[in-house]
N, C-alpha and C. Protein backbone atom coordinates (compact mmCIF):
# COMPACT_ATOMS: atom_id res chain seq x y z
N MET A 1 11.09 -30.59 -13.67
CA MET A 1 10.44 -30.82 -12.39
C MET A 1 11.15 -31.95 -11.67
N LEU A 2 11.33 -31.81 -10.40
CA LEU A 2 12.03 -32.77 -9.56
C LEU A 2 11.12 -33.97 -9.27
N ASP A 3 11.63 -35.19 -9.51
CA ASP A 3 10.86 -36.40 -9.24
C ASP A 3 10.94 -36.72 -7.75
N THR A 4 9.83 -36.66 -7.06
CA THR A 4 9.81 -36.88 -5.61
C THR A 4 9.14 -38.18 -5.22
N LYS A 5 8.75 -38.98 -6.21
CA LYS A 5 8.01 -40.21 -5.93
C LYS A 5 8.79 -41.15 -5.00
N GLY A 6 10.06 -41.31 -5.20
CA GLY A 6 10.85 -42.24 -4.40
C GLY A 6 11.44 -41.62 -3.14
N ARG A 7 11.26 -40.33 -2.94
CA ARG A 7 11.85 -39.67 -1.77
C ARG A 7 11.00 -39.87 -0.54
N ARG A 8 11.63 -39.79 0.59
CA ARG A 8 10.93 -39.87 1.87
C ARG A 8 11.22 -38.61 2.67
N SER A 9 10.29 -38.26 3.49
CA SER A 9 10.52 -37.16 4.42
C SER A 9 9.84 -37.51 5.73
N ALA A 10 10.28 -36.88 6.78
CA ALA A 10 9.72 -37.16 8.09
C ALA A 10 9.44 -35.85 8.81
N TYR A 11 8.44 -35.88 9.63
CA TYR A 11 8.07 -34.71 10.41
C TYR A 11 7.84 -35.17 11.84
N GLY A 12 8.34 -34.44 12.79
CA GLY A 12 8.14 -34.80 14.19
C GLY A 12 7.78 -33.58 15.00
N LYS A 13 6.88 -33.77 15.94
CA LYS A 13 6.50 -32.69 16.85
C LYS A 13 6.20 -33.33 18.20
N ALA A 14 6.85 -32.87 19.23
CA ALA A 14 6.63 -33.40 20.57
C ALA A 14 5.42 -32.71 21.20
N VAL A 15 4.53 -33.50 21.75
CA VAL A 15 3.34 -32.99 22.42
C VAL A 15 3.20 -33.74 23.74
N ILE A 16 3.06 -33.02 24.81
CA ILE A 16 2.88 -33.64 26.12
C ILE A 16 1.40 -33.92 26.31
N LEU A 17 1.07 -35.18 26.57
CA LEU A 17 -0.32 -35.61 26.72
C LEU A 17 -0.55 -36.25 28.08
N GLN A 18 -1.71 -36.02 28.62
CA GLN A 18 -2.11 -36.67 29.86
C GLN A 18 -2.43 -38.14 29.55
N PRO A 19 -2.35 -39.03 30.54
CA PRO A 19 -2.73 -40.42 30.31
C PRO A 19 -4.17 -40.51 29.78
N GLY A 20 -4.38 -41.43 28.83
CA GLY A 20 -5.70 -41.63 28.24
C GLY A 20 -5.60 -42.13 26.82
N ARG A 21 -6.75 -42.28 26.16
CA ARG A 21 -6.82 -42.76 24.77
C ARG A 21 -6.93 -41.56 23.84
N TYR A 22 -6.21 -41.65 22.70
CA TYR A 22 -6.18 -40.56 21.74
C TYR A 22 -6.30 -41.11 20.32
N ARG A 23 -6.69 -40.23 19.41
CA ARG A 23 -6.71 -40.55 17.99
C ARG A 23 -5.92 -39.48 17.27
N LEU A 24 -5.06 -39.91 16.36
CA LEU A 24 -4.26 -39.00 15.55
C LEU A 24 -4.70 -39.16 14.10
N ASP A 25 -5.04 -38.06 13.46
CA ASP A 25 -5.40 -38.06 12.05
C ASP A 25 -4.27 -37.38 11.29
N VAL A 26 -3.70 -38.10 10.33
CA VAL A 26 -2.61 -37.56 9.52
C VAL A 26 -3.11 -37.39 8.09
N MET A 27 -3.00 -36.17 7.59
CA MET A 27 -3.43 -35.90 6.22
C MET A 27 -2.22 -35.45 5.42
N VAL A 28 -2.06 -36.03 4.23
CA VAL A 28 -0.97 -35.67 3.33
C VAL A 28 -1.59 -35.28 2.00
N ARG A 29 -1.12 -34.16 1.45
CA ARG A 29 -1.65 -33.68 0.17
C ARG A 29 -0.50 -33.41 -0.77
N ASP A 30 -0.62 -33.92 -1.98
CA ASP A 30 0.34 -33.66 -3.05
C ASP A 30 0.02 -32.29 -3.62
N VAL A 31 0.94 -31.35 -3.51
CA VAL A 31 0.67 -29.99 -3.96
C VAL A 31 0.55 -29.89 -5.47
N ALA A 32 1.19 -30.80 -6.19
CA ALA A 32 1.13 -30.75 -7.66
C ALA A 32 -0.20 -31.28 -8.18
N SER A 33 -0.64 -32.43 -7.69
CA SER A 33 -1.85 -33.05 -8.22
C SER A 33 -3.10 -32.77 -7.39
N GLY A 34 -2.89 -32.39 -6.15
CA GLY A 34 -4.03 -32.17 -5.26
C GLY A 34 -4.53 -33.44 -4.60
N ALA A 35 -3.91 -34.59 -4.92
CA ALA A 35 -4.32 -35.87 -4.32
C ALA A 35 -4.07 -35.82 -2.81
N THR A 36 -5.04 -36.36 -2.09
CA THR A 36 -4.97 -36.31 -0.63
C THR A 36 -5.14 -37.72 -0.05
N GLY A 37 -4.41 -37.98 1.01
CA GLY A 37 -4.55 -39.24 1.74
C GLY A 37 -4.68 -38.96 3.22
N ILE A 38 -5.50 -39.74 3.89
CA ILE A 38 -5.70 -39.57 5.33
C ILE A 38 -5.51 -40.92 6.00
N ARG A 39 -4.79 -40.92 7.12
CA ARG A 39 -4.62 -42.12 7.95
C ARG A 39 -5.05 -41.76 9.37
N HIS A 40 -5.70 -42.71 10.03
CA HIS A 40 -6.15 -42.52 11.40
C HIS A 40 -5.41 -43.53 12.28
N TYR A 41 -4.86 -43.05 13.38
CA TYR A 41 -4.12 -43.91 14.30
C TYR A 41 -4.67 -43.72 15.71
N GLY A 42 -4.94 -44.80 16.39
CA GLY A 42 -5.36 -44.75 17.78
C GLY A 42 -4.21 -45.19 18.67
N PHE A 43 -4.08 -44.57 19.82
CA PHE A 43 -3.03 -44.97 20.76
C PHE A 43 -3.44 -44.59 22.17
N GLU A 44 -2.74 -45.16 23.12
CA GLU A 44 -3.04 -44.89 24.52
C GLU A 44 -1.77 -44.42 25.22
N VAL A 45 -1.88 -43.33 25.96
CA VAL A 45 -0.80 -42.86 26.81
C VAL A 45 -1.02 -43.51 28.17
N PRO A 46 -0.08 -44.36 28.61
CA PRO A 46 -0.31 -45.11 29.85
C PRO A 46 -0.17 -44.24 31.09
N ARG A 47 -0.80 -44.70 32.15
CA ARG A 47 -0.67 -44.07 33.46
C ARG A 47 0.36 -44.91 34.23
N TYR A 48 1.41 -44.28 34.70
CA TYR A 48 2.47 -45.00 35.41
C TYR A 48 2.26 -44.89 36.91
N ASN A 49 2.45 -46.00 37.61
CA ASN A 49 2.42 -46.04 39.07
C ASN A 49 3.81 -45.63 39.54
N SER A 50 3.90 -44.62 40.38
CA SER A 50 5.20 -44.10 40.81
C SER A 50 5.99 -45.06 41.68
N GLU A 51 5.38 -46.16 42.10
CA GLU A 51 6.07 -47.15 42.94
C GLU A 51 6.61 -48.32 42.12
N GLU A 52 6.25 -48.43 40.85
CA GLU A 52 6.63 -49.58 40.05
C GLU A 52 7.62 -49.19 38.96
N LEU A 53 8.57 -50.08 38.71
CA LEU A 53 9.49 -49.92 37.61
C LEU A 53 8.69 -49.94 36.31
N ALA A 54 8.93 -48.99 35.43
CA ALA A 54 8.17 -48.89 34.18
C ALA A 54 9.10 -48.42 33.07
N ALA A 55 8.64 -48.60 31.83
CA ALA A 55 9.45 -48.18 30.69
C ALA A 55 8.55 -47.57 29.62
N SER A 56 9.14 -46.67 28.86
CA SER A 56 8.44 -46.12 27.70
C SER A 56 8.39 -47.18 26.61
N SER A 57 7.71 -46.88 25.54
CA SER A 57 7.78 -47.75 24.36
C SER A 57 9.19 -47.70 23.81
N ILE A 58 9.61 -48.79 23.20
CA ILE A 58 10.91 -48.81 22.53
C ILE A 58 10.75 -48.09 21.19
N ILE A 59 11.67 -47.19 20.91
CA ILE A 59 11.71 -46.55 19.60
C ILE A 59 12.85 -47.19 18.82
N LEU A 60 12.51 -47.85 17.71
CA LEU A 60 13.54 -48.33 16.80
C LEU A 60 13.97 -47.14 15.96
N ALA A 61 15.26 -46.90 15.90
CA ALA A 61 15.75 -45.68 15.26
C ALA A 61 16.67 -45.98 14.09
N ALA A 62 16.58 -45.13 13.09
CA ALA A 62 17.52 -45.18 11.96
C ALA A 62 18.81 -44.49 12.36
N ARG A 63 18.70 -43.52 13.29
CA ARG A 63 19.88 -42.77 13.74
C ARG A 63 19.66 -42.25 15.15
N LEU A 64 20.70 -42.32 15.97
CA LEU A 64 20.71 -41.75 17.32
C LEU A 64 21.89 -40.78 17.39
N GLU A 65 21.64 -39.57 17.84
CA GLU A 65 22.70 -38.56 17.88
C GLU A 65 22.65 -37.85 19.22
N SER A 66 23.77 -37.84 19.94
CA SER A 66 23.85 -37.13 21.21
C SER A 66 23.83 -35.63 20.95
N MET A 67 23.04 -34.91 21.75
CA MET A 67 22.95 -33.46 21.61
C MET A 67 23.80 -32.76 22.68
N ALA A 68 24.66 -33.51 23.38
CA ALA A 68 25.52 -32.93 24.40
C ALA A 68 26.39 -31.83 23.78
N GLY A 69 26.40 -30.68 24.39
CA GLY A 69 27.17 -29.56 23.89
C GLY A 69 26.48 -28.79 22.78
N LYS A 70 25.27 -29.22 22.39
CA LYS A 70 24.51 -28.53 21.35
C LYS A 70 23.19 -28.07 21.95
N VAL A 71 22.48 -27.24 21.23
CA VAL A 71 21.15 -26.83 21.65
C VAL A 71 20.22 -28.02 21.43
N ALA A 72 19.69 -28.57 22.51
CA ALA A 72 18.83 -29.77 22.43
C ALA A 72 17.39 -29.35 22.16
N ALA A 73 17.16 -28.93 20.92
CA ALA A 73 15.82 -28.50 20.52
C ALA A 73 15.63 -28.86 19.06
N GLY A 74 14.39 -28.96 18.67
CA GLY A 74 14.07 -29.24 17.28
C GLY A 74 13.35 -30.55 17.13
N PRO A 75 13.02 -30.89 15.89
CA PRO A 75 12.30 -32.13 15.65
C PRO A 75 13.13 -33.34 16.06
N PHE A 76 12.47 -34.33 16.59
CA PHE A 76 13.05 -35.63 16.95
C PHE A 76 14.02 -35.58 18.12
N VAL A 77 14.09 -34.48 18.84
CA VAL A 77 14.97 -34.39 20.00
C VAL A 77 14.17 -34.77 21.25
N ILE A 78 14.68 -35.78 21.96
CA ILE A 78 14.09 -36.21 23.23
C ILE A 78 15.18 -36.08 24.27
N GLY A 79 15.02 -35.14 25.19
CA GLY A 79 16.06 -34.91 26.19
C GLY A 79 17.33 -34.46 25.52
N GLN A 80 18.40 -35.24 25.68
CA GLN A 80 19.70 -34.91 25.11
C GLN A 80 20.05 -35.79 23.90
N THR A 81 19.03 -36.41 23.28
CA THR A 81 19.27 -37.31 22.16
C THR A 81 18.35 -36.97 20.99
N LYS A 82 18.91 -36.92 19.80
CA LYS A 82 18.11 -36.80 18.59
C LYS A 82 17.84 -38.21 18.10
N VAL A 83 16.56 -38.57 18.03
CA VAL A 83 16.14 -39.92 17.69
C VAL A 83 15.38 -39.86 16.37
N ILE A 84 16.02 -40.30 15.29
CA ILE A 84 15.36 -40.37 13.99
C ILE A 84 14.74 -41.76 13.89
N PRO A 85 13.40 -41.85 13.98
CA PRO A 85 12.77 -43.18 14.04
C PRO A 85 12.82 -43.93 12.71
N ASN A 86 12.79 -45.25 12.83
CA ASN A 86 12.65 -46.12 11.67
C ASN A 86 11.28 -46.75 11.82
N LEU A 87 10.27 -46.14 11.23
CA LEU A 87 8.89 -46.57 11.43
C LEU A 87 8.60 -47.94 10.84
N SER A 88 9.30 -48.33 9.80
CA SER A 88 9.04 -49.63 9.17
C SER A 88 9.67 -50.77 9.94
N GLY A 89 10.74 -50.50 10.68
CA GLY A 89 11.47 -51.57 11.37
C GLY A 89 12.33 -52.38 10.43
N ASP A 90 12.50 -51.93 9.18
CA ASP A 90 13.33 -52.61 8.19
C ASP A 90 14.72 -51.98 8.17
N TYR A 91 15.75 -52.84 8.20
CA TYR A 91 17.14 -52.39 8.17
C TYR A 91 17.89 -53.20 7.13
N ASN A 92 18.84 -52.55 6.46
CA ASN A 92 19.72 -53.27 5.54
C ASN A 92 20.81 -53.95 6.36
N GLN A 93 21.33 -55.05 5.84
CA GLN A 93 22.41 -55.76 6.51
C GLN A 93 23.59 -54.81 6.67
N GLY A 94 24.13 -54.72 7.87
CA GLY A 94 25.22 -53.80 8.15
C GLY A 94 24.77 -52.46 8.69
N GLN A 95 23.50 -52.13 8.55
CA GLN A 95 22.95 -50.88 9.10
C GLN A 95 22.60 -51.13 10.56
N PRO A 96 23.15 -50.36 11.50
CA PRO A 96 22.84 -50.62 12.91
C PRO A 96 21.38 -50.33 13.26
N VAL A 97 20.86 -51.13 14.17
CA VAL A 97 19.51 -50.94 14.68
C VAL A 97 19.62 -50.04 15.91
N GLY A 98 19.05 -48.86 15.83
CA GLY A 98 19.05 -47.95 16.96
C GLY A 98 17.90 -48.28 17.90
N VAL A 99 18.20 -48.26 19.20
CA VAL A 99 17.19 -48.54 20.22
C VAL A 99 17.20 -47.39 21.22
N TYR A 100 16.01 -46.82 21.46
CA TYR A 100 15.85 -45.73 22.45
C TYR A 100 14.73 -46.11 23.39
N LEU A 101 14.97 -45.93 24.69
CA LEU A 101 14.00 -46.31 25.72
C LEU A 101 14.28 -45.52 26.98
N GLN A 102 13.23 -45.12 27.68
CA GLN A 102 13.39 -44.51 28.99
C GLN A 102 12.81 -45.45 30.04
N VAL A 103 13.50 -45.56 31.17
CA VAL A 103 13.07 -46.40 32.28
C VAL A 103 12.76 -45.48 33.46
N TYR A 104 11.58 -45.69 34.05
CA TYR A 104 11.10 -44.81 35.12
C TYR A 104 11.06 -45.53 36.46
N ASN A 105 11.18 -44.76 37.54
CA ASN A 105 11.02 -45.22 38.92
C ASN A 105 12.09 -46.22 39.33
N VAL A 106 13.30 -45.96 38.88
CA VAL A 106 14.44 -46.80 39.25
C VAL A 106 14.80 -46.49 40.70
N GLY A 107 15.07 -47.53 41.48
CA GLY A 107 15.46 -47.35 42.88
C GLY A 107 16.88 -46.78 42.98
N ILE A 108 17.12 -45.96 43.99
CA ILE A 108 18.43 -45.37 44.22
C ILE A 108 19.08 -46.09 45.40
N ASP A 109 20.28 -46.62 45.18
CA ASP A 109 21.05 -47.28 46.24
C ASP A 109 21.52 -46.19 47.21
N GLN A 110 21.16 -46.30 48.47
CA GLN A 110 21.44 -45.26 49.45
C GLN A 110 22.92 -45.18 49.84
N THR A 111 23.71 -46.20 49.53
CA THR A 111 25.14 -46.12 49.83
C THR A 111 25.91 -45.38 48.74
N THR A 112 25.47 -45.50 47.49
CA THR A 112 26.18 -44.84 46.39
C THR A 112 25.41 -43.65 45.83
N LEU A 113 24.14 -43.52 46.20
CA LEU A 113 23.24 -42.50 45.67
C LEU A 113 23.12 -42.58 44.14
N GLN A 114 23.26 -43.78 43.63
CA GLN A 114 23.13 -44.06 42.20
C GLN A 114 22.18 -45.24 42.02
N PRO A 115 21.60 -45.39 40.85
CA PRO A 115 20.80 -46.59 40.58
C PRO A 115 21.69 -47.83 40.58
N SER A 116 21.13 -48.96 40.90
CA SER A 116 21.83 -50.23 40.81
C SER A 116 20.99 -51.11 39.88
N VAL A 117 21.25 -50.95 38.58
CA VAL A 117 20.42 -51.57 37.55
C VAL A 117 21.31 -52.30 36.55
N ASP A 118 20.93 -53.52 36.21
CA ASP A 118 21.57 -54.25 35.12
C ASP A 118 20.67 -54.16 33.91
N VAL A 119 21.26 -53.89 32.74
CA VAL A 119 20.51 -53.84 31.49
C VAL A 119 21.25 -54.69 30.46
N GLU A 120 20.48 -55.57 29.80
CA GLU A 120 21.02 -56.39 28.72
C GLU A 120 20.15 -56.20 27.48
N TYR A 121 20.81 -56.15 26.32
CA TYR A 121 20.12 -56.08 25.04
C TYR A 121 20.33 -57.43 24.36
N ALA A 122 19.27 -58.22 24.25
CA ALA A 122 19.36 -59.54 23.63
C ALA A 122 18.70 -59.49 22.25
N VAL A 123 19.37 -60.06 21.25
CA VAL A 123 18.80 -60.18 19.91
C VAL A 123 18.37 -61.62 19.74
N LEU A 124 17.11 -61.82 19.34
CA LEU A 124 16.55 -63.16 19.17
C LEU A 124 16.12 -63.36 17.72
N ARG A 125 16.26 -64.60 17.28
CA ARG A 125 15.72 -65.02 15.98
C ARG A 125 14.99 -66.33 16.22
N GLU A 126 13.72 -66.35 15.84
CA GLU A 126 12.86 -67.52 16.05
C GLU A 126 12.89 -67.96 17.52
N GLY A 127 12.90 -66.97 18.42
CA GLY A 127 12.85 -67.24 19.86
C GLY A 127 14.17 -67.64 20.50
N LYS A 128 15.23 -67.77 19.72
CA LYS A 128 16.55 -68.16 20.24
C LYS A 128 17.47 -66.96 20.30
N GLU A 129 18.16 -66.81 21.43
CA GLU A 129 19.09 -65.69 21.61
C GLU A 129 20.33 -65.91 20.76
N ILE A 130 20.64 -64.92 19.92
CA ILE A 130 21.81 -65.04 19.05
C ILE A 130 22.85 -63.95 19.33
N GLY A 131 22.53 -63.01 20.18
CA GLY A 131 23.47 -61.95 20.52
C GLY A 131 23.06 -61.28 21.82
N LEU A 132 24.07 -60.78 22.58
CA LEU A 132 23.80 -60.13 23.87
C LEU A 132 24.82 -59.02 24.09
N GLN A 133 24.32 -57.85 24.49
CA GLN A 133 25.17 -56.73 24.88
C GLN A 133 24.71 -56.25 26.24
N ARG A 134 25.64 -55.86 27.09
CA ARG A 134 25.32 -55.34 28.42
C ARG A 134 25.58 -53.84 28.47
N GLU A 135 24.75 -53.14 29.23
CA GLU A 135 24.92 -51.69 29.41
C GLU A 135 26.07 -51.44 30.37
N ASP A 136 26.91 -50.49 30.03
CA ASP A 136 28.02 -50.09 30.89
C ASP A 136 27.70 -48.68 31.40
N TRP A 137 27.50 -48.55 32.70
CA TRP A 137 27.06 -47.28 33.28
C TRP A 137 28.21 -46.34 33.60
N ARG A 138 29.47 -46.76 33.46
CA ARG A 138 30.59 -45.88 33.81
C ARG A 138 30.56 -44.62 32.96
N GLY A 139 30.61 -43.49 33.61
CA GLY A 139 30.63 -42.21 32.91
C GLY A 139 29.27 -41.73 32.42
N ALA A 140 28.21 -42.43 32.76
CA ALA A 140 26.87 -42.03 32.32
C ALA A 140 26.45 -40.77 33.05
N ALA A 141 25.92 -39.81 32.32
CA ALA A 141 25.50 -38.54 32.91
C ALA A 141 24.04 -38.59 33.35
N ASP A 142 23.22 -39.38 32.68
CA ASP A 142 21.79 -39.42 32.93
C ASP A 142 21.46 -40.58 33.87
N VAL A 143 21.83 -40.43 35.13
CA VAL A 143 21.50 -41.47 36.11
C VAL A 143 20.67 -40.85 37.21
N GLY A 144 19.58 -41.48 37.55
CA GLY A 144 18.65 -41.02 38.57
C GLY A 144 17.45 -41.94 38.52
N PRO A 145 16.30 -41.49 39.04
CA PRO A 145 15.11 -42.34 39.01
C PRO A 145 14.59 -42.60 37.59
N ARG A 146 15.07 -41.81 36.60
CA ARG A 146 14.74 -42.06 35.20
C ARG A 146 16.05 -42.27 34.45
N LEU A 147 16.12 -43.39 33.73
CA LEU A 147 17.31 -43.69 32.94
C LEU A 147 16.95 -43.65 31.46
N THR A 148 17.85 -43.12 30.65
CA THR A 148 17.67 -43.13 29.21
C THR A 148 18.63 -44.16 28.63
N LEU A 149 18.07 -45.11 27.88
CA LEU A 149 18.87 -46.15 27.26
C LEU A 149 18.92 -45.90 25.76
N THR A 150 20.12 -45.77 25.21
CA THR A 150 20.31 -45.66 23.77
C THR A 150 21.38 -46.66 23.38
N ARG A 151 21.14 -47.36 22.29
CA ARG A 151 22.09 -48.39 21.87
C ARG A 151 21.99 -48.58 20.36
N LEU A 152 23.14 -48.75 19.72
CA LEU A 152 23.18 -49.14 18.32
C LEU A 152 23.61 -50.60 18.29
N ILE A 153 22.77 -51.44 17.72
CA ILE A 153 23.04 -52.87 17.64
C ILE A 153 23.51 -53.20 16.24
N GLU A 154 24.70 -53.77 16.14
CA GLU A 154 25.29 -54.10 14.83
C GLU A 154 24.52 -55.23 14.17
N THR A 155 24.42 -55.17 12.84
CA THR A 155 23.68 -56.19 12.08
C THR A 155 24.54 -56.86 11.01
N LYS A 156 25.85 -56.62 11.02
CA LYS A 156 26.74 -57.16 9.97
C LYS A 156 26.63 -58.68 9.86
N GLY A 157 26.51 -59.38 10.97
CA GLY A 157 26.47 -60.84 10.93
C GLY A 157 25.07 -61.43 10.85
N LEU A 158 24.06 -60.58 10.72
CA LEU A 158 22.69 -61.08 10.70
C LEU A 158 22.21 -61.31 9.26
N ALA A 159 21.67 -62.49 9.02
CA ALA A 159 21.11 -62.82 7.70
C ALA A 159 19.75 -62.15 7.56
N PRO A 160 19.30 -61.93 6.33
CA PRO A 160 17.95 -61.37 6.15
C PRO A 160 16.90 -62.22 6.88
N GLY A 161 15.94 -61.54 7.48
CA GLY A 161 14.88 -62.24 8.20
C GLY A 161 14.33 -61.41 9.35
N GLU A 162 13.46 -62.05 10.14
CA GLU A 162 12.77 -61.41 11.26
C GLU A 162 13.59 -61.59 12.54
N TYR A 163 13.67 -60.51 13.35
CA TYR A 163 14.42 -60.53 14.60
C TYR A 163 13.62 -59.80 15.67
N GLU A 164 14.06 -59.97 16.91
CA GLU A 164 13.46 -59.26 18.04
C GLU A 164 14.58 -58.82 18.96
N VAL A 165 14.49 -57.59 19.46
CA VAL A 165 15.41 -57.14 20.49
C VAL A 165 14.63 -57.09 21.79
N VAL A 166 15.17 -57.73 22.83
CA VAL A 166 14.57 -57.75 24.16
C VAL A 166 15.53 -57.03 25.09
N ILE A 167 15.01 -56.05 25.80
CA ILE A 167 15.82 -55.29 26.75
C ILE A 167 15.46 -55.78 28.15
N ARG A 168 16.39 -56.47 28.79
CA ARG A 168 16.17 -57.02 30.13
C ARG A 168 16.70 -56.03 31.16
N ILE A 169 15.81 -55.56 32.01
CA ILE A 169 16.15 -54.55 33.01
C ILE A 169 15.91 -55.15 34.39
N ARG A 170 16.94 -55.14 35.23
CA ARG A 170 16.80 -55.67 36.59
C ARG A 170 17.28 -54.61 37.57
N ASP A 171 16.36 -54.15 38.44
CA ASP A 171 16.66 -53.13 39.46
C ASP A 171 16.99 -53.87 40.76
N HIS A 172 18.25 -53.75 41.22
CA HIS A 172 18.69 -54.45 42.43
C HIS A 172 18.14 -53.82 43.70
N VAL A 173 17.76 -52.55 43.64
CA VAL A 173 17.24 -51.86 44.83
C VAL A 173 15.79 -52.27 45.09
N THR A 174 14.94 -52.19 44.07
CA THR A 174 13.51 -52.49 44.25
C THR A 174 13.18 -53.96 43.97
N LYS A 175 14.17 -54.71 43.43
CA LYS A 175 13.99 -56.13 43.08
C LYS A 175 12.92 -56.33 42.01
N GLN A 176 12.74 -55.35 41.14
CA GLN A 176 11.77 -55.45 40.06
C GLN A 176 12.50 -55.66 38.73
N THR A 177 11.81 -56.28 37.77
CA THR A 177 12.38 -56.52 36.45
C THR A 177 11.39 -56.13 35.36
N LEU A 178 11.91 -55.82 34.20
CA LEU A 178 11.13 -55.53 33.00
C LEU A 178 11.85 -56.17 31.81
N SER A 179 11.09 -56.52 30.79
CA SER A 179 11.68 -57.04 29.55
C SER A 179 10.91 -56.56 28.33
N PRO A 180 10.93 -55.25 28.05
CA PRO A 180 10.25 -54.77 26.85
C PRO A 180 10.97 -55.28 25.60
N SER A 181 10.22 -55.38 24.50
CA SER A 181 10.81 -55.90 23.27
C SER A 181 10.24 -55.19 22.05
N ALA A 182 10.95 -55.31 20.95
CA ALA A 182 10.51 -54.76 19.66
C ALA A 182 11.03 -55.65 18.55
N LYS A 183 10.24 -55.78 17.50
CA LYS A 183 10.62 -56.60 16.35
C LYS A 183 11.19 -55.72 15.24
N PHE A 184 12.19 -56.28 14.54
CA PHE A 184 12.76 -55.59 13.38
C PHE A 184 13.08 -56.64 12.32
N ARG A 185 13.40 -56.16 11.13
CA ARG A 185 13.65 -57.06 10.01
C ARG A 185 14.92 -56.62 9.28
N ILE A 186 15.76 -57.60 8.94
CA ILE A 186 16.91 -57.35 8.05
C ILE A 186 16.42 -57.72 6.66
N VAL A 187 16.46 -56.76 5.74
CA VAL A 187 15.87 -56.97 4.42
C VAL A 187 16.89 -57.39 3.36
N ARG A 188 18.13 -57.03 3.49
CA ARG A 188 19.17 -57.47 2.55
C ARG A 188 20.52 -57.15 3.09
C-alpha cells in the first residue's frame, strides 16, 4: 500500500460570485479509514466602485506559469496564467515567492491609449525595506483598465524569518495609489 501521509494535493475550482458574504465548507475523507475532517471558512467578495483604483487579493504562489499559446483552461488558471497557490506562505530559501494580483479601474492616458501606472514590489523585514523591484511594461500584452501583475521574487539572499511584500501602485492618470501587501516566511 502506498504511504500517502506525507503527500500533499491541491484542488481548485473557479466560481464567479456576486459581492457579499459567503461560507465555504470543506470536507475531506480518508477512503481507507473513513476518517473525516471538516473546515469552515468565511469570506467576503468585495463590491468595487468603478471610479476608484482597486486590487484583488494578493495570491502568494508556489508556481506561476504563462498559458500563452496553450489552452487557458483547467484548475488554477486565471486568465492567461496558471497560479499554483502557496496557502501556507512558507518558502524554502532560494525558492521564489510568486505574487499574483489584478488591478482594476486603471486610468487610460488619452495620448498613448495605454495605462500610465508605476508598480513597485518592495520586500520588508521588521518594517524595513530590504529589496525593491519595478514593473517593466514594455511588451506587456495585458494592458487596459485591468492589469494583471505576476512576479517571482528571489529569496536566495533572505535569511529564515518573517517577511512582507508590499506592491505599490501609482496611477498617473487618476492620481490614485494602492499598496496591498502579503506576509510570507522563509523557513530554511
